[in-house]
């Protein structure tokens, strides 16, 4: 809206919120990410604590395998790795400590018959670091 003197209102001078394209992670992308990081494990030491330079090299490698979505920045690669590690830790904990199985095809394979056992198990995890992630 133009007012007297040809000036725009304060609201019109504000830039529209910037929208960022999001990375799209396919199973193939995740597989390449995991393979690259695990073959470079020595660069992170025992704690797999990688430098910013390392994440830049991961991003460069992922550019070779990205077919959709925004480019995978060093930060996006590091965040994806963190989420994959968290998911693995949860699945491994469930499988190791409960005797239940987990697979990519069936996930935790919760059936109508086993749902109550899962619900009971999750309710006992109150305060557990991973509990919120499991419930989501």
Protein backbone atom coordinates (compact mmCIF):
# COMPACT_ATOMS: atom_id res chain seq x y z
CA UNK A 1 0.00 0.00 0.00
CA UNK A 2 1.43 3.39 -1.00
CA UNK A 3 0.70 6.35 1.25
CA UNK A 4 1.09 10.04 0.71
CA UNK A 5 4.53 10.91 -0.48
CA UNK A 6 4.91 7.54 -2.25
CA UNK A 7 6.16 5.71 0.86
CA UNK A 8 5.30 2.12 1.62
CA UNK A 9 3.94 1.06 4.97
CA UNK A 10 6.36 -0.52 7.45
CA UNK A 11 4.77 -3.94 6.92
CA UNK A 12 5.35 -3.79 3.18
CA UNK A 13 9.04 -3.04 3.69
CA UNK A 14 9.54 -6.30 5.58
CA UNK A 15 10.96 -9.12 3.54
CA UNK A 16 8.88 -12.24 3.18
CA UNK A 17 10.06 -15.05 5.43
CA UNK A 18 12.86 -16.97 3.78
CA UNK A 19 11.97 -20.53 2.92
CA UNK A 20 14.74 -23.07 2.69
CA UNK A 21 14.65 -26.14 0.53
CA UNK A 22 14.85 -29.24 2.66
CA UNK A 23 17.16 -32.16 2.19
CA UNK A 24 15.48 -35.31 1.08
CA UNK A 25 17.12 -38.45 2.43
CA UNK A 26 16.41 -41.62 0.49
CA UNK A 27 17.41 -45.04 1.78
CA UNK A 28 20.19 -44.98 -0.83
CA UNK A 29 21.40 -41.61 0.53
CA UNK A 30 21.37 -42.93 4.09
CA UNK A 31 23.30 -46.02 3.00
CA UNK A 32 25.98 -43.89 1.30
CA UNK A 33 26.19 -41.65 4.37
CA UNK A 34 26.64 -44.61 6.73
CA UNK A 35 29.22 -46.28 4.46
CA UNK A 36 31.26 -43.11 4.04
CA UNK A 37 31.30 -42.35 7.75
CA UNK A 38 32.08 -45.90 8.86
CA UNK A 39 34.92 -46.21 6.35
CA UNK A 40 36.29 -42.92 7.71
CA UNK A 41 35.83 -43.92 11.33
CA UNK A 42 39.51 -43.44 12.16
CA UNK A 43 39.18 -39.71 11.47
CA UNK A 44 36.75 -39.44 14.39
CA UNK A 45 38.63 -41.53 16.90
CA UNK A 46 37.02 -43.86 19.42
CA UNK A 47 34.23 -41.41 20.18
CA UNK A 48 33.49 -40.76 16.48
CA UNK A 49 33.88 -37.03 17.16
CA UNK A 50 34.41 -35.57 13.72
CA UNK A 51 35.71 -32.11 12.84
CA UNK A 52 33.91 -29.51 10.72
CA UNK A 53 36.32 -30.34 7.91
CA UNK A 54 35.17 -33.93 8.01
CA UNK A 55 31.50 -32.96 7.70
CA UNK A 56 32.41 -30.79 4.71
CA UNK A 57 33.97 -33.84 3.05
CA UNK A 58 30.82 -35.84 3.86
CA UNK A 59 28.71 -33.14 2.22
CA UNK A 60 30.93 -33.21 -0.87
CA UNK A 61 30.60 -36.99 -1.06
CA UNK A 62 26.83 -36.83 -0.62
CA UNK A 63 26.57 -34.36 -3.52
CA UNK A 64 27.56 -37.27 -5.77
CA UNK A 65 24.54 -39.27 -4.59
CA UNK A 66 21.84 -36.61 -4.16
CA UNK A 67 19.04 -36.96 -6.70
CA UNK A 68 16.31 -34.95 -5.03
CA UNK A 69 15.83 -32.13 -2.56
CA UNK A 70 18.30 -29.50 -1.47
CA UNK A 71 22.03 -30.19 -1.34
CA UNK A 72 23.12 -31.94 1.81
CA UNK A 73 25.10 -29.36 3.77
CA UNK A 74 27.75 -30.34 6.34
CA UNK A 75 25.24 -29.46 9.08
CA UNK A 76 22.48 -31.55 7.47
CA UNK A 77 24.84 -34.53 7.17
CA UNK A 78 25.88 -34.26 10.80
CA UNK A 79 22.27 -33.94 11.97
CA UNK A 80 21.21 -36.93 9.87
CA UNK A 81 24.07 -39.00 11.28
CA UNK A 82 23.02 -38.06 14.82
CA UNK A 83 19.40 -39.10 14.11
CA UNK A 84 20.52 -42.38 12.53
CA UNK A 85 22.71 -43.14 15.55
CA UNK A 86 19.83 -42.40 17.92
CA UNK A 87 17.46 -44.63 15.95
CA UNK A 88 20.05 -47.41 15.88
CA UNK A 89 20.66 -47.11 19.63
CA UNK A 90 16.95 -47.43 20.34
CA UNK A 91 16.45 -50.40 18.02
CA UNK A 92 19.61 -52.10 19.29
CA UNK A 93 18.57 -51.54 22.90
CA UNK A 94 15.15 -53.04 22.29
CA UNK A 95 16.53 -56.03 20.41
CA UNK A 96 19.42 -56.66 22.81
CA UNK A 97 17.59 -56.21 26.09
CA UNK A 98 14.17 -57.57 25.33
CA UNK A 99 14.76 -60.43 22.93
CA UNK A 100 12.38 -58.74 20.52
CA UNK A 101 13.45 -58.38 16.93
CA UNK A 102 13.81 -55.34 14.72
CA UNK A 103 14.16 -55.28 10.94
CA UNK A 104 14.04 -52.67 8.19
CA UNK A 105 11.17 -54.54 6.57
CA UNK A 106 8.94 -54.90 9.65
CA UNK A 107 10.36 -52.43 12.14
CA UNK A 108 9.54 -53.64 15.63
CA UNK A 109 6.81 -55.84 14.13
CA UNK A 110 4.23 -54.84 16.72
CA UNK A 111 1.09 -56.85 16.21
CA UNK A 112 -2.31 -56.65 17.86
CA UNK A 113 -1.24 -59.58 20.05
CA UNK A 114 2.01 -57.91 21.21
CA UNK A 115 0.78 -54.32 21.48
CA UNK A 116 -0.05 -54.57 25.19
CA UNK A 117 3.45 -55.90 25.96
CA UNK A 118 4.97 -52.93 24.10
CA UNK A 119 2.66 -50.43 25.80
CA UNK A 120 3.58 -51.85 29.20
CA UNK A 121 7.29 -51.78 28.36
CA UNK A 122 7.17 -48.16 27.17
CA UNK A 123 5.25 -47.07 30.29
CA UNK A 124 8.11 -48.41 32.44
CA UNK A 125 10.60 -46.20 30.60
CA UNK A 126 9.42 -42.91 32.10
CA UNK A 127 12.39 -40.61 32.43
CA UNK A 128 14.44 -42.65 30.01
CA UNK A 129 16.45 -40.51 27.59
CA UNK A 130 15.17 -42.37 24.53
CA UNK A 131 11.58 -42.80 25.75
CA UNK A 132 10.27 -39.72 23.97
CA UNK A 133 11.82 -40.85 20.68
CA UNK A 134 10.31 -44.31 21.05
CA UNK A 135 6.84 -42.88 21.60
CA UNK A 136 7.13 -40.61 18.56
